[in-house]
Every structure is written in structure tokens, then in C-alpha cells.
Amino acid sequence: MAEKPTHKRTVDREAGPKGRKEVPVRGGRLDAATQRRAIEVETSGSPARLTHAAHKLKESGKPIRVLVVPQRDMQKAAEAMRQVGTTGAVRNLSGTKTRRVVQAKAALTAQGKMRASASKERRGR
């Protein structure tokens, strides 16, 4: 199936001059990637497709993850990233709006909790 013009144009812009397109990762292919950034463009708005895109971003291992969606789907995309457990940014197709996705404080790992308690013990609390 051929890419839609909007999808192709967005992938080209997000990849930039040094980025690679159609980068293989476990679970599929990323639309674009640079040395530090993973980019996935999802225009359908389907919750299942947004979740799959978030999984691919998580599997990329890149420190910067960007999910690009139409502005009307930004809330759904952020929720899909939280559900998968990945952090990153959700950006609209034109690049004018960005929403940061971070995990809730309650989702601290056991290691993070142990570090916090060890730090308190060292301070004498």
C-alpha cells in the first residue's frame, strides 16, 4: 500500500537530512530515526494503531521518542504512550503543538523507590 502524501511529507521532514527512514525494530519498522531520536507517524487515529506505534517507539531504545499524529488525536496518542509505558513527545502533523508524555509518579520502579529510601537514610530522616 502506498503512503499517503501527508504521511510521506511528514516522515521526510521529521527525518531531516541525516535521518534514516523505515528503520527495523522489533515489532515492525519505525518511520524515521536519527542517532538519538525515534519518530513514528500515525494518521489513522485508531487506538490499536496508536498503541502499536507507541510499542515501536519503546522498542527503538532511543532516548528521544516522538509520535506524530493529527491534532485531533493528540490526547489519544498520549494515552496510548502512557498505557505502553513509554515517555516521549506527541506532536501534531504541522509541528506547531507538542505534548510531553511522562509516567505518573506512582509508577516509580522498585529501584527508584529503593534509591529514594537510601537517600533519606543517609540524610538521617
PDB file of N, CA and C in Angstrom:
ATOM      1  N   MET A   1       0.838  -1.183   0.000  1.00  0.00           N
ATOM      2  CA  MET A   1       0.000   0.000   0.000  1.00  0.00           C
ATOM      3  C   MET A   1       0.879   1.240   0.000  1.00  0.00           C
ATOM      4  N   ALA A   2       0.566   2.196  -0.861  1.00  0.00           N
ATOM      5  CA  ALA A   2       1.351   3.415  -0.964  1.00  0.00           C
ATOM      6  C   ALA A   2       1.052   4.344   0.211  1.00  0.00           C
ATOM      7  N   GLU A   3       2.086   5.083   0.605  1.00  0.00           N
ATOM      8  CA  GLU A   3       1.907   6.053   1.694  1.00  0.00           C
ATOM      9  C   GLU A   3       1.072   7.228   1.209  1.00  0.00           C
ATOM     10  N   LYS A   4       0.303   7.797   2.104  1.00  0.00           N
ATOM     11  CA  LYS A   4      -0.444   8.995   1.774  1.00  0.00           C
ATOM     12  C   LYS A   4       0.544  10.155   1.683  1.00  0.00           C
ATOM     13  N   PRO A   5       0.236  11.186   0.876  1.00  0.00           N
ATOM     14  CA  PRO A   5       1.165  12.314   0.736  1.00  0.00           C
ATOM     15  C   PRO A   5       1.478  13.003   2.075  1.00  0.00           C
ATOM     16  N   THR A   6       0.482  13.124   2.946  1.00  0.00           N
ATOM     17  CA  THR A   6       0.712  13.768   4.241  1.00  0.00           C
ATOM     18  C   THR A   6       1.703  12.963   5.069  1.00  0.00           C
ATOM     19  N   HIS A   7       1.560  11.651   5.076  1.00  0.00           N
ATOM     20  CA  HIS A   7       2.447  10.780   5.840  1.00  0.00           C
ATOM     21  C   HIS A   7       3.868  10.880   5.303  1.00  0.00           C
ATOM     22  N   LYS A   8       4.016  10.766   4.012  1.00  0.00           N
ATOM     23  CA  LYS A   8       5.345  10.805   3.387  1.00  0.00           C
ATOM     24  C   LYS A   8       6.029  12.147   3.633  1.00  0.00           C
ATOM     25  N   ARG A   9       5.303  13.234   3.468  1.00  0.00           N
ATOM     26  CA  ARG A   9       5.867  14.569   3.672  1.00  0.00           C
ATOM     27  C   ARG A   9       6.309  14.758   5.121  1.00  0.00           C
ATOM     28  N   THR A  10       5.498  14.273   6.062  1.00  0.00           N
ATOM     29  CA  THR A  10       5.831  14.404   7.480  1.00  0.00           C
ATOM     30  C   THR A  10       7.057  13.570   7.834  1.00  0.00           C
ATOM     31  N   VAL A  11       7.141  12.355   7.328  1.00  0.00           N
ATOM     32  CA  VAL A  11       8.297  11.494   7.598  1.00  0.00           C
ATOM     33  C   VAL A  11       9.564  12.138   7.042  1.00  0.00           C
ATOM     34  N   ASP A  12       9.492  12.661   5.814  1.00  0.00           N
ATOM     35  CA  ASP A  12      10.658  13.315   5.213  1.00  0.00           C
ATOM     36  C   ASP A  12      11.127  14.495   6.063  1.00  0.00           C
ATOM     37  N   ARG A  13      10.184  15.309   6.524  1.00  0.00           N
ATOM     38  CA  ARG A  13      10.535  16.476   7.325  1.00  0.00           C
ATOM     39  C   ARG A  13      11.120  16.067   8.674  1.00  0.00           C
ATOM     40  N   GLU A  14      10.510  15.104   9.339  1.00  0.00           N
ATOM     41  CA  GLU A  14      10.960  14.688  10.667  1.00  0.00           C
ATOM     42  C   GLU A  14      12.319  13.987  10.627  1.00  0.00           C
ATOM     43  N   ALA A  15      12.590  13.230   9.564  1.00  0.00           N
ATOM     44  CA  ALA A  15      13.866  12.518   9.458  1.00  0.00           C
ATOM     45  C   ALA A  15      15.014  13.492   9.296  1.00  0.00           C
ATOM     46  N   GLY A  16      14.799  14.568   8.569  1.00  0.00           N
ATOM     47  CA  GLY A  16      15.863  15.529   8.351  1.00  0.00           C
ATOM     48  C   GLY A  16      16.914  14.988   7.394  1.00  0.00           C
ATOM     49  N   PRO A  17      17.976  15.745   7.190  1.00  0.00           N
ATOM     50  CA  PRO A  17      18.982  15.329   6.207  1.00  0.00           C
ATOM     51  C   PRO A  17      19.820  14.124   6.642  1.00  0.00           C
ATOM     52  N   LYS A  18      19.992  13.901   7.934  1.00  0.00           N
ATOM     53  CA  LYS A  18      20.833  12.802   8.406  1.00  0.00           C
ATOM     54  C   LYS A  18      20.042  11.607   8.910  1.00  0.00           C
ATOM     55  N   GLY A  19      18.721  11.699   8.895  1.00  0.00           N
ATOM     56  CA  GLY A  19      17.892  10.616   9.417  1.00  0.00           C
ATOM     57  C   GLY A  19      17.701   9.495   8.419  1.00  0.00           C
ATOM     58  N   ARG A  20      17.393   8.321   8.948  1.00  0.00           N
ATOM     59  CA  ARG A  20      17.084   7.158   8.110  1.00  0.00           C
ATOM     60  C   ARG A  20      15.593   6.908   8.166  1.00  0.00           C
ATOM     61  N   LYS A  21      15.041   6.353   7.084  1.00  0.00           N
ATOM     62  CA  LYS A  21      13.616   6.048   7.036  1.00  0.00           C
ATOM     63  C   LYS A  21      13.423   4.545   7.043  1.00  0.00           C
ATOM     64  N   GLU A  22      12.257   4.102   7.538  1.00  0.00           N
ATOM     65  CA  GLU A  22      11.904   2.682   7.589  1.00  0.00           C
ATOM     66  C   GLU A  22      12.981   1.862   8.306  1.00  0.00           C
ATOM     67  N   VAL A  23      13.242   2.234   9.545  1.00  0.00           N
ATOM     68  CA  VAL A  23      14.271   1.585  10.356  1.00  0.00           C
ATOM     69  C   VAL A  23      13.670   0.372  11.055  1.00  0.00           C
ATOM     70  N   PRO A  24      14.232  -0.832  10.868  1.00  0.00           N
ATOM     71  CA  PRO A  24      13.655  -2.021  11.501  1.00  0.00           C
ATOM     72  C   PRO A  24      13.847  -2.026  13.017  1.00  0.00           C
ATOM     73  N   VAL A  25      12.784  -2.351  13.732  1.00  0.00           N
ATOM     74  CA  VAL A  25      12.819  -2.569  15.184  1.00  0.00           C
ATOM     75  C   VAL A  25      11.964  -3.795  15.460  1.00  0.00           C
ATOM     76  N   ARG A  26      12.108  -4.344  16.657  1.00  0.00           N
ATOM     77  CA  ARG A  26      11.271  -5.490  17.000  1.00  0.00           C
ATOM     78  C   ARG A  26       9.811  -5.045  17.006  1.00  0.00           C
ATOM     79  N   GLY A  27       8.992  -5.720  16.250  1.00  0.00           N
ATOM     80  CA  GLY A  27       7.579  -5.370  16.180  1.00  0.00           C
ATOM     81  C   GLY A  27       7.211  -4.578  14.939  1.00  0.00           C
ATOM     82  N   GLY A  28       8.184  -4.280  14.068  1.00  0.00           N
ATOM     83  CA  GLY A  28       7.862  -3.550  12.845  1.00  0.00           C
ATOM     84  C   GLY A  28       8.993  -2.653  12.401  1.00  0.00           C
ATOM     85  N   ARG A  29       8.628  -1.543  11.796  1.00  0.00           N
ATOM     86  CA  ARG A  29       9.612  -0.581  11.320  1.00  0.00           C
ATOM     87  C   ARG A  29       9.221   0.815  11.783  1.00  0.00           C
ATOM     88  N   LEU A  30      10.201   1.560  12.251  1.00  0.00           N
ATOM     89  CA  LEU A  30       9.982   2.966  12.588  1.00  0.00           C
ATOM     90  C   LEU A  30       9.929   3.760  11.298  1.00  0.00           C
ATOM     91  N   ASP A  31       9.127   4.804  11.273  1.00  0.00           N
ATOM     92  CA  ASP A  31       9.073   5.644  10.080  1.00  0.00           C
ATOM     93  C   ASP A  31      10.394   6.359   9.850  1.00  0.00           C
ATOM     94  N   ALA A  32      11.017   6.853  10.911  1.00  0.00           N
ATOM     95  CA  ALA A  32      12.292   7.559  10.764  1.00  0.00           C
ATOM     96  C   ALA A  32      13.067   7.475  12.070  1.00  0.00           C
ATOM     97  N   ALA A  33      14.386   7.601  11.946  1.00  0.00           N
ATOM     98  CA  ALA A  33      15.243   7.610  13.136  1.00  0.00           C
ATOM     99  C   ALA A  33      16.520   8.365  12.828  1.00  0.00           C
ATOM    100  N   THR A  34      17.004   9.068  13.827  1.00  0.00           N
ATOM    101  CA  THR A  34      18.323   9.677  13.765  1.00  0.00           C
ATOM    102  C   THR A  34      19.160   8.963  14.823  1.00  0.00           C
ATOM    103  N   GLN A  35      20.321   9.485  15.104  1.00  0.00           N
ATOM    104  CA  GLN A  35      21.178   8.819  16.074  1.00  0.00           C
ATOM    105  C   GLN A  35      20.536   8.762  17.459  1.00  0.00           C
ATOM    106  N   ARG A  36      19.805   9.814  17.862  1.00  0.00           N
ATOM    107  CA  ARG A  36      19.223   9.873  19.195  1.00  0.00           C
ATOM    108  C   ARG A  36      17.694   9.880  19.212  1.00  0.00           C
ATOM    109  N   ARG A  37      17.047  10.038  18.052  1.00  0.00           N
ATOM    110  CA  ARG A  37      15.603  10.225  18.035  1.00  0.00           C
ATOM    111  C   ARG A  37      14.897   9.148  17.216  1.00  0.00           C
ATOM    112  N   ALA A  38      13.759   8.679  17.733  1.00  0.00           N
ATOM    113  CA  ALA A  38      12.893   7.749  17.012  1.00  0.00           C
ATOM    114  C   ALA A  38      11.587   8.478  16.705  1.00  0.00           C
ATOM    115  N   ILE A  39      11.146   8.396  15.460  1.00  0.00           N
ATOM    116  CA  ILE A  39       9.950   9.106  15.031  1.00  0.00           C
ATOM    117  C   ILE A  39       8.982   8.125  14.392  1.00  0.00           C
ATOM    118  N   GLU A  40       7.726   8.184  14.826  1.00  0.00           N
ATOM    119  CA  GLU A  40       6.671   7.354  14.245  1.00  0.00           C
ATOM    120  C   GLU A  40       5.504   8.275  13.897  1.00  0.00           C
ATOM    121  N   VAL A  41       4.995   8.167  12.685  1.00  0.00           N
ATOM    122  CA  VAL A  41       3.866   8.976  12.220  1.00  0.00           C
ATOM    123  C   VAL A  41       2.661   8.056  12.103  1.00  0.00           C
ATOM    124  N   GLU A  42       1.558   8.415  12.758  1.00  0.00           N
ATOM    125  CA  GLU A  42       0.334   7.604  12.708  1.00  0.00           C
ATOM    126  C   GLU A  42      -0.853   8.530  12.459  1.00  0.00           C
ATOM    127  N   THR A  43      -1.437   8.433  11.269  1.00  0.00           N
ATOM    128  CA  THR A  43      -2.521   9.353  10.903  1.00  0.00           C
ATOM    129  C   THR A  43      -3.905   8.751  11.046  1.00  0.00           C
ATOM    130  N   SER A  44      -4.018   7.453  11.339  1.00  0.00           N
ATOM    131  CA  SER A  44      -5.335   6.816  11.349  1.00  0.00           C
ATOM    132  C   SER A  44      -6.196   7.209  12.548  1.00  0.00           C
ATOM    133  N   GLY A  45      -5.599   7.406  13.718  1.00  0.00           N
ATOM    134  CA  GLY A  45      -6.375   7.731  14.909  1.00  0.00           C
ATOM    135  C   GLY A  45      -6.936   6.517  15.614  1.00  0.00           C
ATOM    136  N   SER A  46      -6.682   5.327  15.110  1.00  0.00           N
ATOM    137  CA  SER A  46      -7.163   4.102  15.728  1.00  0.00           C
ATOM    138  C   SER A  46      -6.385   3.823  17.012  1.00  0.00           C
ATOM    139  N   PRO A  47      -7.079   3.547  18.133  1.00  0.00           N
ATOM    140  CA  PRO A  47      -6.367   3.271  19.380  1.00  0.00           C
ATOM    141  C   PRO A  47      -5.396   2.097  19.266  1.00  0.00           C
ATOM    142  N   ALA A  48      -5.761   1.063  18.510  1.00  0.00           N
ATOM    143  CA  ALA A  48      -4.870  -0.086  18.348  1.00  0.00           C
ATOM    144  C   ALA A  48      -3.612   0.305  17.580  1.00  0.00           C
ATOM    145  N   ARG A  49      -3.757   1.113  16.543  1.00  0.00           N
ATOM    146  CA  ARG A  49      -2.595   1.542  15.752  1.00  0.00           C
ATOM    147  C   ARG A  49      -1.714   2.500  16.551  1.00  0.00           C
ATOM    148  N   LEU A  50      -2.326   3.366  17.362  1.00  0.00           N
ATOM    149  CA  LEU A  50      -1.542   4.276  18.205  1.00  0.00           C
ATOM    150  C   LEU A  50      -0.748   3.488  19.244  1.00  0.00           C
ATOM    151  N   THR A  51      -1.359   2.454  19.817  1.00  0.00           N
ATOM    152  CA  THR A  51      -0.667   1.608  20.786  1.00  0.00           C
ATOM    153  C   THR A  51       0.500   0.879  20.126  1.00  0.00           C
ATOM    154  N   HIS A  52       0.289   0.372  18.915  1.00  0.00           N
ATOM    155  CA  HIS A  52       1.356  -0.312  18.191  1.00  0.00           C
ATOM    156  C   HIS A  52       2.516   0.650  17.895  1.00  0.00           C
ATOM    157  N   ALA A  53       2.186   1.881  17.515  1.00  0.00           N
ATOM    158  CA  ALA A  53       3.213   2.887  17.244  1.00  0.00           C
ATOM    159  C   ALA A  53       4.010   3.190  18.522  1.00  0.00           C
ATOM    160  N   ALA A  54       3.321   3.273  19.659  1.00  0.00           N
ATOM    161  CA  ALA A  54       3.996   3.528  20.931  1.00  0.00           C
ATOM    162  C   ALA A  54       4.928   2.363  21.291  1.00  0.00           C
ATOM    163  N   HIS A  55       4.502   1.136  21.014  1.00  0.00           N
ATOM    164  CA  HIS A  55       5.352  -0.040  21.260  1.00  0.00           C
ATOM    165  C   HIS A  55       6.632   0.039  20.432  1.00  0.00           C
ATOM    166  N   LYS A  56       6.494   0.411  19.160  1.00  0.00           N
ATOM    167  CA  LYS A  56       7.672   0.506  18.294  1.00  0.00           C
ATOM    168  C   LYS A  56       8.629   1.574  18.807  1.00  0.00           C
ATOM    169  N   LEU A  57       8.095   2.693  19.284  1.00  0.00           N
ATOM    170  CA  LEU A  57       8.953   3.737  19.845  1.00  0.00           C
ATOM    171  C   LEU A  57       9.696   3.220  21.067  1.00  0.00           C
ATOM    172  N   LYS A  58       9.003   2.476  21.914  1.00  0.00           N
ATOM    173  CA  LYS A  58       9.620   1.935  23.126  1.00  0.00           C
ATOM    174  C   LYS A  58      10.734   0.951  22.761  1.00  0.00           C
ATOM    175  N   GLU A  59      10.501   0.121  21.759  1.00  0.00           N
ATOM    176  CA  GLU A  59      11.484  -0.883  21.341  1.00  0.00           C
ATOM    177  C   GLU A  59      12.696  -0.269  20.649  1.00  0.00           C
ATOM    178  N   SER A  60      12.595   0.971  20.221  1.00  0.00           N
ATOM    179  CA  SER A  60      13.692   1.593  19.481  1.00  0.00           C
ATOM    180  C   SER A  60      14.949   1.760  20.324  1.00  0.00           C
ATOM    181  N   GLY A  61      14.778   1.973  21.630  1.00  0.00           N
ATOM    182  CA  GLY A  61      15.924   2.183  22.509  1.00  0.00           C
ATOM    183  C   GLY A  61      16.522   3.579  22.397  1.00  0.00           C
ATOM    184  N   LYS A  62      15.892   4.464  21.672  1.00  0.00           N
ATOM    185  CA  LYS A  62      16.396   5.832  21.507  1.00  0.00           C
ATOM    186  C   LYS A  62      15.958   6.686  22.696  1.00  0.00           C
ATOM    187  N   PRO A  63      16.789   7.647  23.117  1.00  0.00           N
ATOM    188  CA  PRO A  63      16.412   8.481  24.263  1.00  0.00           C
ATOM    189  C   PRO A  63      15.303   9.484  23.965  1.00  0.00           C
ATOM    190  N   ILE A  64      15.154   9.892  22.713  1.00  0.00           N
ATOM    191  CA  ILE A  64      14.111  10.847  22.336  1.00  0.00           C
ATOM    192  C   ILE A  64      13.116  10.122  21.443  1.00  0.00           C
ATOM    193  N   ARG A  65      11.847  10.111  21.859  1.00  0.00           N
ATOM    194  CA  ARG A  65      10.804   9.410  21.103  1.00  0.00           C
ATOM    195  C   ARG A  65       9.689  10.385  20.758  1.00  0.00           C
ATOM    196  N   VAL A  66       9.298  10.396  19.488  1.00  0.00           N
ATOM    197  CA  VAL A  66       8.281  11.342  19.028  1.00  0.00           C
ATOM    198  C   VAL A  66       7.214  10.584  18.249  1.00  0.00           C
ATOM    199  N   LEU A  67       5.968  10.755  18.670  1.00  0.00           N
ATOM    200  CA  LEU A  67       4.821  10.189  17.953  1.00  0.00           C
ATOM    201  C   LEU A  67       4.085  11.362  17.305  1.00  0.00           C
ATOM    202  N   VAL A  68       4.007  11.362  15.978  1.00  0.00           N
ATOM    203  CA  VAL A  68       3.401  12.461  15.234  1.00  0.00           C
ATOM    204  C   VAL A  68       2.016  12.014  14.766  1.00  0.00           C
ATOM    205  N   VAL A  69       0.992  12.784  15.156  1.00  0.00           N
ATOM    206  CA  VAL A  69      -0.400  12.443  14.852  1.00  0.00           C
ATOM    207  C   VAL A  69      -1.164  13.708  14.466  1.00  0.00           C
ATOM    208  N   PRO A  70      -2.353  13.570  13.851  1.00  0.00           N
ATOM    209  CA  PRO A  70      -3.193  14.749  13.639  1.00  0.00           C
ATOM    210  C   PRO A  70      -3.570  15.365  14.998  1.00  0.00           C
ATOM    211  N   GLN A  71      -3.771  16.652  15.014  1.00  0.00           N
ATOM    212  CA  GLN A  71      -4.025  17.348  16.275  1.00  0.00           C
ATOM    213  C   GLN A  71      -5.238  16.788  17.013  1.00  0.00           C
ATOM    214  N   ARG A  72      -6.252  16.347  16.290  1.00  0.00           N
ATOM    215  CA  ARG A  72      -7.453  15.814  16.945  1.00  0.00           C
ATOM    216  C   ARG A  72      -7.168  14.519  17.707  1.00  0.00           C
ATOM    217  N   ASP A  73      -6.060  13.834  17.396  1.00  0.00           N
ATOM    218  CA  ASP A  73      -5.733  12.563  18.039  1.00  0.00           C
ATOM    219  C   ASP A  73      -4.619  12.671  19.078  1.00  0.00           C
ATOM    220  N   MET A  74      -4.199  13.865  19.422  1.00  0.00           N
ATOM    221  CA  MET A  74      -3.075  14.025  20.343  1.00  0.00           C
ATOM    222  C   MET A  74      -3.368  13.443  21.725  1.00  0.00           C
ATOM    223  N   GLN A  75      -4.568  13.628  22.232  1.00  0.00           N
ATOM    224  CA  GLN A  75      -4.930  13.098  23.545  1.00  0.00           C
ATOM    225  C   GLN A  75      -4.906  11.567  23.531  1.00  0.00           C
ATOM    226  N   LYS A  76      -5.468  10.965  22.495  1.00  0.00           N
ATOM    227  CA  LYS A  76      -5.473   9.502  22.380  1.00  0.00           C
ATOM    228  C   LYS A  76      -4.053   8.957  22.271  1.00  0.00           C
ATOM    229  N   ALA A  77      -3.196   9.652  21.529  1.00  0.00           N
ATOM    230  CA  ALA A  77      -1.810   9.211  21.357  1.00  0.00           C
ATOM    231  C   ALA A  77      -1.046   9.291  22.675  1.00  0.00           C
ATOM    232  N   ALA A  78      -1.261  10.353  23.442  1.00  0.00           N
ATOM    233  CA  ALA A  78      -0.598  10.483  24.744  1.00  0.00           C
ATOM    234  C   ALA A  78      -1.044   9.366  25.678  1.00  0.00           C
ATOM    235  N   GLU A  79      -2.313   9.052  25.653  1.00  0.00           N
ATOM    236  CA  GLU A  79      -2.836   7.974  26.496  1.00  0.00           C
ATOM    237  C   GLU A  79      -2.257   6.618  26.073  1.00  0.00           C
ATOM    238  N   ALA A  80      -2.113   6.399  24.773  1.00  0.00           N
ATOM    239  CA  ALA A  80      -1.522   5.148  24.282  1.00  0.00           C
ATOM    240  C   ALA A  80      -0.082   5.018  24.748  1.00  0.00           C
ATOM    241  N   MET A  81       0.671   6.116  24.729  1.00  0.00           N
ATOM    242  CA  MET A  81       2.067   6.069  25.192  1.00  0.00           C
ATOM    243  C   MET A  81       2.133   5.773  26.687  1.00  0.00           C
ATOM    244  N   ARG A  82       1.230   6.370  27.469  1.00  0.00           N
ATOM    245  CA  ARG A  82       1.196   6.081  28.911  1.00  0.00           C
ATOM    246  C   ARG A  82       0.847   4.625  29.159  1.00  0.00           C
ATOM    247  N   GLN A  83      -0.106   4.109  28.407  1.00  0.00           N
ATOM    248  CA  GLN A  83      -0.558   2.726  28.563  1.00  0.00           C
ATOM    249  C   GLN A  83       0.590   1.752  28.274  1.00  0.00           C
ATOM    250  N   VAL A  84       1.393   2.039  27.266  1.00  0.00           N
ATOM    251  CA  VAL A  84       2.521   1.187  26.903  1.00  0.00           C
ATOM    252  C   VAL A  84       3.665   1.347  27.895  1.00  0.00           C
ATOM    253  N   GLY A  85       3.759   2.510  28.522  1.00  0.00           N
ATOM    254  CA  GLY A  85       4.813   2.746  29.497  1.00  0.00           C
ATOM    255  C   GLY A  85       6.044   3.396  28.894  1.00  0.00           C
ATOM    256  N   THR A  86       5.861   4.190  27.874  1.00  0.00           N
ATOM    257  CA  THR A  86       6.989   4.886  27.268  1.00  0.00           C
ATOM    258  C   THR A  86       6.836   6.388  27.451  1.00  0.00           C
ATOM    259  N   THR A  87       7.951   7.058  27.562  1.00  0.00           N
ATOM    260  CA  THR A  87       7.946   8.509  27.665  1.00  0.00           C
ATOM    261  C   THR A  87       8.330   9.084  26.314  1.00  0.00           C
ATOM    262  N   GLY A  88       8.049  10.351  26.120  1.00  0.00           N
ATOM    263  CA  GLY A  88       8.402  10.994  24.863  1.00  0.00           C
ATOM    264  C   GLY A  88       7.503  12.173  24.601  1.00  0.00           C
ATOM    265  N   ALA A  89       7.323  12.484  23.325  1.00  0.00           N
ATOM    266  CA  ALA A  89       6.514  13.627  22.937  1.00  0.00           C
ATOM    267  C   ALA A  89       5.486  13.202  21.900  1.00  0.00           C
ATOM    268  N   VAL A  90       4.332  13.849  21.963  1.00  0.00           N
ATOM    269  CA  VAL A  90       3.310  13.692  20.933  1.00  0.00           C
ATOM    270  C   VAL A  90       3.235  15.035  20.233  1.00  0.00           C
ATOM    271  N   ARG A  91       3.382  15.025  18.917  1.00  0.00           N
ATOM    272  CA  ARG A  91       3.414  16.263  18.144  1.00  0.00           C
ATOM    273  C   ARG A  91       2.347  16.203  17.063  1.00  0.00           C
ATOM    274  N   ASN A  92       1.750  17.359  16.732  1.00  0.00           N
ATOM    275  CA  ASN A  92       0.778  17.366  15.641  1.00  0.00           C
ATOM    276  C   ASN A  92       1.518  17.372  14.302  1.00  0.00           C
ATOM    277  N   LEU A  93       0.800  17.105  13.221  1.00  0.00           N
ATOM    278  CA  LEU A  93       1.430  16.930  11.913  1.00  0.00           C
ATOM    279  C   LEU A  93       2.208  18.155  11.450  1.00  0.00           C
ATOM    280  N   SER A  94       1.711  19.334  11.766  1.00  0.00           N
ATOM    281  CA  SER A  94       2.400  20.541  11.309  1.00  0.00           C
ATOM    282  C   SER A  94       3.568  20.924  12.223  1.00  0.00           C
ATOM    283  N   GLY A  95       3.649  20.319  13.388  1.00  0.00           N
ATOM    284  CA  GLY A  95       4.754  20.602  14.298  1.00  0.00           C
ATOM    285  C   GLY A  95       4.553  21.822  15.173  1.00  0.00           C
ATOM    286  N   THR A  96       3.332  22.369  15.211  1.00  0.00           N
ATOM    287  CA  THR A  96       3.091  23.579  15.988  1.00  0.00           C
ATOM    288  C   THR A  96       2.720  23.287  17.442  1.00  0.00           C
ATOM    289  N   LYS A  97       2.246  22.084  17.732  1.00  0.00           N
ATOM    290  CA  LYS A  97       1.847  21.732  19.097  1.00  0.00           C
ATOM    291  C   LYS A  97       2.588  20.476  19.513  1.00  0.00           C
ATOM    292  N   THR A  98       3.062  20.465  20.757  1.00  0.00           N
ATOM    293  CA  THR A  98       3.749  19.301  21.305  1.00  0.00           C
ATOM    294  C   THR A  98       3.237  19.047  22.708  1.00  0.00           C
ATOM    295  N   ARG A  99       3.024  17.794  23.035  1.00  0.00           N
ATOM    296  CA  ARG A  99       2.595  17.405  24.374  1.00  0.00           C
ATOM    297  C   ARG A  99       3.606  16.396  24.907  1.00  0.00           C
ATOM    298  N   ARG A 100       4.194  16.680  26.029  1.00  0.00           N
ATOM    299  CA  ARG A 100       5.173  15.805  26.674  1.00  0.00           C
ATOM    300  C   ARG A 100       4.442  14.680  27.394  1.00  0.00           C
ATOM    301  N   VAL A 101       4.918  13.461  27.286  1.00  0.00           N
ATOM    302  CA  VAL A 101       4.317  12.314  27.967  1.00  0.00           C
ATOM    303  C   VAL A 101       5.344  11.771  28.952  1.00  0.00           C
ATOM    304  N   VAL A 102       5.007  11.845  30.233  1.00  0.00           N
ATOM    305  CA  VAL A 102       5.859  11.287  31.285  1.00  0.00           C
ATOM    306  C   VAL A 102       5.018  10.322  32.100  1.00  0.00           C
ATOM    307  N   GLN A 103       5.669   9.380  32.719  1.00  0.00           N
ATOM    308  CA  GLN A 103       4.942   8.403  33.522  1.00  0.00           C
ATOM    309  C   GLN A 103       4.552   9.014  34.862  1.00  0.00           C
ATOM    310  N   ALA A 104       3.465   8.554  35.420  1.00  0.00           N
ATOM    311  CA  ALA A 104       2.972   9.056  36.704  1.00  0.00           C
ATOM    312  C   ALA A 104       3.974   8.744  37.806  1.00  0.00           C
ATOM    313  N   LYS A 105       4.003   9.581  38.843  1.00  0.00           N
ATOM    314  CA  LYS A 105       4.925   9.365  39.951  1.00  0.00           C
ATOM    315  C   LYS A 105       4.676   8.040  40.649  1.00  0.00           C
ATOM    316  N   ALA A 106       3.437   7.574  40.626  1.00  0.00           N
ATOM    317  CA  ALA A 106       3.110   6.298  41.271  1.00  0.00           C
ATOM    318  C   ALA A 106       3.763   5.131  40.538  1.00  0.00           C
ATOM    319  N   ALA A 107       4.220   5.358  39.320  1.00  0.00           N
ATOM    320  CA  ALA A 107       4.815   4.290  38.526  1.00  0.00           C
ATOM    321  C   ALA A 107       6.324   4.186  38.743  1.00  0.00           C
ATOM    322  N   LEU A 108       6.810   4.667  39.869  1.00  0.00           N
ATOM    323  CA  LEU A 108       8.240   4.537  40.164  1.00  0.00           C
ATOM    324  C   LEU A 108       8.623   3.067  40.199  1.00  0.00           C
ATOM    325  N   THR A 109       9.772   2.785  39.699  1.00  0.00           N
ATOM    326  CA  THR A 109      10.239   1.402  39.742  1.00  0.00           C
ATOM    327  C   THR A 109      10.687   1.058  41.152  1.00  0.00           C
ATOM    328  N   ALA A 110      10.819  -0.206  41.426  1.00  0.00           N
ATOM    329  CA  ALA A 110      11.292  -0.634  42.743  1.00  0.00           C
ATOM    330  C   ALA A 110      12.678  -0.075  43.001  1.00  0.00           C
ATOM    331  N   GLN A 111      13.492  -0.011  41.959  1.00  0.00           N
ATOM    332  CA  GLN A 111      14.836   0.521  42.116  1.00  0.00           C
ATOM    333  C   GLN A 111      14.783   2.005  42.488  1.00  0.00           C
ATOM    334  N   GLY A 112      13.877   2.748  41.859  1.00  0.00           N
ATOM    335  CA  GLY A 112      13.736   4.162  42.171  1.00  0.00           C
ATOM    336  C   GLY A 112      13.290   4.376  43.609  1.00  0.00           C
ATOM    337  N   LYS A 113      12.384   3.530  44.092  1.00  0.00           N
ATOM    338  CA  LYS A 113      11.920   3.631  45.471  1.00  0.00           C
ATOM    339  C   LYS A 113      13.058   3.325  46.437  1.00  0.00           C
ATOM    340  N   MET A 114      13.870   2.311  46.093  1.00  0.00           N
ATOM    341  CA  MET A 114      14.986   1.961  46.962  1.00  0.00           C
ATOM    342  C   MET A 114      16.006   3.090  47.016  1.00  0.00           C
ATOM    343  N   ARG A 115      16.255   3.745  45.885  1.00  0.00           N
ATOM    344  CA  ARG A 115      17.184   4.873  45.874  1.00  0.00           C
ATOM    345  C   ARG A 115      16.674   5.997  46.757  1.00  0.00           C
ATOM    346  N   ALA A 116      15.372   6.265  46.685  1.00  0.00           N
ATOM    347  CA  ALA A 116      14.793   7.344  47.478  1.00  0.00           C
ATOM    348  C   ALA A 116      14.903   7.046  48.970  1.00  0.00           C
ATOM    349  N   SER A 117      14.631   5.799  49.366  1.00  0.00           N
ATOM    350  CA  SER A 117      14.711   5.469  50.785  1.00  0.00           C
ATOM    351  C   SER A 117      16.163   5.470  51.261  1.00  0.00           C
ATOM    352  N   ALA A 118      17.096   5.027  50.436  1.00  0.00           N
ATOM    353  CA  ALA A 118      18.506   5.039  50.814  1.00  0.00           C
ATOM    354  C   ALA A 118      18.993   6.473  50.972  1.00  0.00           C
ATOM    355  N   SER A 119      18.511   7.347  50.120  1.00  0.00           N
ATOM    356  CA  SER A 119      18.899   8.746  50.204  1.00  0.00           C
ATOM    357  C   SER A 119      18.393   9.369  51.507  1.00  0.00           C
ATOM    358  N   LYS A 120      17.162   9.034  51.897  1.00  0.00           N
ATOM    359  CA  LYS A 120      16.611   9.560  53.150  1.00  0.00           C
ATOM    360  C   LYS A 120      17.393   9.051  54.352  1.00  0.00           C
ATOM    361  N   GLU A 121      17.803   7.785  54.300  1.00  0.00           N
ATOM    362  CA  GLU A 121      18.573   7.215  55.414  1.00  0.00           C
ATOM    363  C   GLU A 121      19.903   7.919  55.554  1.00  0.00           C
ATOM    364  N   ARG A 122      20.546   8.254  54.451  1.00  0.00           N
ATOM    365  CA  ARG A 122      21.838   8.952  54.507  1.00  0.00           C
ATOM    366  C   ARG A 122      21.696  10.348  55.089  1.00  0.00           C
ATOM    367  N   ARG A 123      20.541  10.964  54.848  1.00  0.00           N
ATOM    368  CA  ARG A 123      20.328  12.305  55.380  1.00  0.00           C
ATOM    369  C   ARG A 123      19.879  12.270  56.828  1.00  0.00           C
ATOM    370  N   GLY A 124      19.602  11.081  57.349  1.00  0.00           N
ATOM    371  CA  GLY A 124      19.203  10.956  58.758  1.00  0.00           C
ATOM    372  C   GLY A 124      17.728  11.195  59.006  1.00  0.00           C
ATOM    373  N   ARG A 125      16.889  10.932  58.055  1.00  0.00           N
ATOM    374  CA  ARG A 125      15.441  11.140  58.249  1.00  0.00           C
ATOM    375  C   ARG A 125      14.735   9.866  58.508  1.00  0.00           C
TER     376      ARG A 125
END
